[in-house]
Amino acid sequence: MKSGQTMDKNRIKSIIESILFIWGEPISLDDLAKTLELKPSYLKSILYEMIEMYKNETSGLRLTVINDKFQLTTKPENYDYVKKITKEQNEKNLSKAALETLSIIAYKQPVTKIEIEDLRGVNCDSTIKGLVDFELIEVSGKLDRIGHPNLYSTTDKFLNKFGIKSLDELPNLDEIKDIEVENK
């Protein structure tokens, strides 16, 4: 028995929920088992309990299985409301958070959500989703490490929106720092 199996089942569920919420992408049973130091068979039983729990709860979330990977998603019956708020947000100009996230992606691409969040210091799930919905960024690959997180890059629509022909036309970061110093 691994050390994690001495943990209370409710605590394990709480940890799983946090991981799935932050990760945002489907994650394999093996990756979760390694992270939690649990036997995959034991963890699988807990995950399927959670699937049932979300079915019976009044929560707007559900735990889905996609190609033997697990992901926290919204319930389909709430789609019209989620779509409405997403559309309303997308019709507005880009927020400061979206511009910061987009800048990080433009300069560091390809980049993972975790790397973006490390730089910004906040969760970027909804910001990244909005930028993908706006087609300003796209999933350009997967990183070859546990969980195989998405890599994000800018799109041609990004170049068009900002009136540049290539990423080579982005201002040099040193130039931006000089402008900041001049404006203070």
Protein backbone atom coordinates (compact mmCIF):
# COMPACT_ATOMS: atom_id res chain seq x y z
CA MET A 1 0.00 0.00 0.00
CA LYS A 2 1.38 3.38 -0.99
CA SER A 3 1.46 6.32 1.41
CA GLY A 4 -1.49 8.14 -0.24
CA GLN A 5 -3.86 5.28 0.53
CA THR A 6 -3.74 6.15 4.22
CA MET A 7 -5.32 9.50 3.31
CA ASP A 8 -9.03 10.02 3.94
CA LYS A 9 -11.07 9.35 0.78
CA ASN A 10 -12.73 12.79 1.00
CA ARG A 11 -9.29 14.41 1.14
CA ILE A 12 -8.24 12.44 -1.95
CA LYS A 13 -11.38 13.61 -3.77
CA SER A 14 -10.62 17.19 -2.78
CA ILE A 15 -7.06 16.92 -4.14
CA ILE A 16 -8.28 15.32 -7.38
CA GLU A 17 -10.85 18.07 -7.83
CA SER A 18 -8.18 20.76 -7.33
CA ILE A 19 -5.78 19.10 -9.77
CA LEU A 20 -8.46 18.69 -12.44
CA PHE A 21 -9.70 22.26 -11.99
CA ILE A 22 -6.22 23.78 -12.32
CA TRP A 23 -5.03 21.43 -15.07
CA GLY A 24 -8.00 22.14 -17.33
CA GLU A 25 -7.05 19.38 -19.78
CA PRO A 26 -7.82 15.65 -19.60
CA ILE A 27 -5.28 13.82 -17.41
CA SER A 28 -4.57 10.11 -17.34
CA LEU A 29 -5.27 7.77 -14.47
CA ASP A 30 -1.57 6.86 -14.34
CA ASP A 31 -0.49 10.51 -14.05
CA LEU A 32 -3.00 11.11 -11.26
CA ALA A 33 -1.95 7.88 -9.50
CA LYS A 34 1.73 8.88 -9.63
CA THR A 35 0.97 12.36 -8.31
CA LEU A 36 -1.20 11.08 -5.45
CA GLU A 37 1.00 8.01 -4.84
CA LEU A 38 -2.02 5.73 -5.10
CA LYS A 39 -2.61 2.42 -6.81
CA PRO A 40 -4.40 3.08 -10.12
CA SER A 41 -7.16 0.56 -9.31
CA TYR A 42 -7.93 2.31 -5.99
CA LEU A 43 -7.82 5.76 -7.60
CA LYS A 44 -10.08 4.62 -10.44
CA SER A 45 -12.75 3.54 -7.95
CA ILE A 46 -12.58 6.98 -6.31
CA LEU A 47 -12.82 8.74 -9.68
CA TYR A 48 -15.92 6.74 -10.59
CA GLU A 49 -17.44 7.60 -7.21
CA MET A 50 -16.82 11.25 -8.07
CA ILE A 51 -18.50 10.81 -11.46
CA GLU A 52 -21.61 9.54 -9.66
CA MET A 53 -21.34 12.26 -7.01
CA TYR A 54 -21.40 14.99 -9.67
CA LYS A 55 -24.41 13.37 -11.34
CA ASN A 56 -26.39 13.60 -8.09
CA GLU A 57 -25.21 17.02 -6.94
CA THR A 58 -26.66 20.35 -7.91
CA SER A 59 -23.17 21.35 -9.04
CA GLY A 60 -22.72 22.78 -12.52
CA LEU A 61 -19.67 20.57 -12.96
CA ARG A 62 -19.20 16.98 -13.99
CA LEU A 63 -16.28 14.60 -14.17
CA THR A 64 -15.91 13.16 -17.65
CA VAL A 65 -13.79 10.38 -19.09
CA ILE A 66 -12.23 11.15 -22.47
CA ASN A 67 -10.05 8.43 -24.01
CA ASP A 68 -9.29 6.97 -20.58
CA LYS A 69 -8.37 10.43 -19.25
CA PHE A 70 -10.34 12.41 -16.69
CA GLN A 71 -11.44 16.02 -16.95
CA LEU A 72 -13.59 18.39 -14.92
CA THR A 73 -16.15 19.99 -17.27
CA THR A 74 -19.41 21.89 -17.11
CA LYS A 75 -22.74 20.14 -17.39
CA PRO A 76 -24.20 20.22 -20.91
CA GLU A 77 -27.55 21.50 -19.69
CA ASN A 78 -25.82 24.76 -18.72
CA TYR A 79 -24.28 25.24 -22.17
CA ASP A 80 -26.64 28.01 -23.34
CA TYR A 81 -25.77 30.17 -20.31
CA VAL A 82 -22.04 29.50 -20.54
CA LYS A 83 -22.12 30.26 -24.27
CA LYS A 84 -24.05 33.49 -23.67
CA ILE A 85 -21.58 34.88 -21.12
CA THR A 86 -18.61 33.73 -23.21
CA LYS A 87 -20.05 35.46 -26.29
CA GLU A 88 -20.71 38.66 -24.33
CA GLN A 89 -17.16 38.64 -22.98
CA ASN A 90 -15.67 37.93 -26.41
CA GLU A 91 -17.55 40.84 -27.97
CA LYS A 92 -15.85 43.25 -25.60
CA ASN A 93 -12.32 44.53 -26.06
CA LEU A 94 -9.51 42.43 -24.65
CA SER A 95 -9.13 42.79 -20.90
CA LYS A 96 -5.85 43.64 -19.21
CA ALA A 97 -5.58 39.97 -18.16
CA ALA A 98 -6.11 38.84 -21.77
CA LEU A 99 -3.50 41.29 -23.05
CA GLU A 100 -0.97 40.17 -20.41
CA THR A 101 -1.60 36.51 -21.24
CA LEU A 102 -1.43 37.18 -24.96
CA SER A 103 1.87 39.06 -24.52
CA ILE A 104 3.40 36.15 -22.62
CA ILE A 105 2.30 33.72 -25.32
CA ALA A 106 3.56 35.97 -28.12
CA TYR A 107 7.04 36.32 -26.61
CA LYS A 108 7.52 32.85 -25.12
CA GLN A 109 5.65 30.61 -27.57
CA PRO A 110 5.13 27.77 -27.59
CA VAL A 111 4.21 27.93 -23.89
CA THR A 112 2.08 25.90 -21.46
CA LYS A 113 -0.75 27.21 -19.31
CA ILE A 114 1.29 26.42 -16.19
CA GLU A 115 4.20 28.55 -17.48
CA ILE A 116 1.80 31.42 -18.22
CA GLU A 117 0.27 31.13 -14.74
CA ASP A 118 3.74 31.07 -13.14
CA LEU A 119 4.57 34.37 -14.86
CA ARG A 120 1.20 36.02 -14.18
CA GLY A 121 0.73 34.56 -10.70
CA VAL A 122 -2.95 33.80 -11.27
CA ASN A 123 -5.15 31.11 -12.84
CA CYS A 124 -5.52 31.70 -16.58
CA ASP A 125 -8.10 29.06 -17.59
CA SER A 126 -10.84 31.45 -18.65
CA THR A 127 -8.41 33.94 -20.20
CA ILE A 128 -6.79 31.24 -22.33
CA LYS A 129 -10.19 29.86 -23.31
CA GLY A 130 -11.30 33.35 -24.36
CA LEU A 131 -8.16 33.87 -26.44
CA VAL A 132 -8.68 30.48 -28.10
CA ASP A 133 -12.36 31.38 -28.74
CA PHE A 134 -11.19 34.69 -30.25
CA GLU A 135 -8.80 32.60 -32.38
CA LEU A 136 -5.89 34.77 -31.26
CA ILE A 137 -4.09 31.71 -29.87
CA GLU A 138 -4.22 28.01 -30.62
CA VAL A 139 -2.99 24.70 -29.28
CA SER A 140 0.19 24.18 -31.28
CA GLY A 141 1.30 20.90 -29.72
CA LYS A 142 1.70 18.92 -26.52
CA LEU A 143 4.63 18.97 -24.11
CA ASP A 144 6.31 15.60 -23.64
CA ARG A 145 5.96 15.35 -19.86
CA ILE A 146 3.44 14.06 -17.32
CA GLY A 147 -0.06 15.02 -18.37
CA HIS A 148 1.11 16.16 -21.82
CA PRO A 149 -0.04 19.76 -21.33
CA ASN A 150 -1.06 21.84 -24.32
CA LEU A 151 1.41 24.24 -25.86
CA TYR A 152 -0.10 27.57 -26.92
CA SER A 153 1.04 29.82 -29.76
CA THR A 154 -0.38 32.90 -31.46
CA THR A 155 -2.30 32.67 -34.73
CA ASP A 156 -2.41 34.62 -37.98
CA LYS A 157 -5.53 36.33 -36.61
CA PHE A 158 -3.33 37.65 -33.75
CA LEU A 159 -0.92 39.14 -36.30
CA ASN A 160 -3.82 40.66 -38.21
CA LYS A 161 -5.48 42.13 -35.10
CA PHE A 162 -2.27 43.86 -34.05
CA GLY A 163 -1.32 44.92 -37.59
CA ILE A 164 1.95 43.02 -37.86
CA LYS A 165 3.16 40.69 -40.60
CA SER A 166 5.27 38.39 -38.44
CA LEU A 167 6.38 37.89 -34.86
CA ASP A 168 9.70 39.46 -35.85
CA GLU A 169 7.86 42.80 -35.82
CA LEU A 170 7.06 42.53 -32.10
CA PRO A 171 8.90 45.19 -30.11
CA ASN A 172 12.11 44.00 -28.51
CA LEU A 173 11.59 43.50 -24.76
CA ASP A 174 14.50 45.87 -24.03
CA GLU A 175 12.76 48.58 -26.10
CA ILE A 176 9.59 48.11 -24.05
CA LYS A 177 11.56 48.47 -20.79
CA ASP A 178 13.13 51.70 -22.12
CA ILE A 179 9.67 53.09 -22.95
CA GLU A 180 8.44 52.19 -19.44
CA VAL A 181 11.39 54.04 -17.85
CA GLU A 182 10.78 57.13 -20.04
CA ASN A 183 7.10 57.23 -19.05
CA LYS A 184 7.80 57.21 -15.31
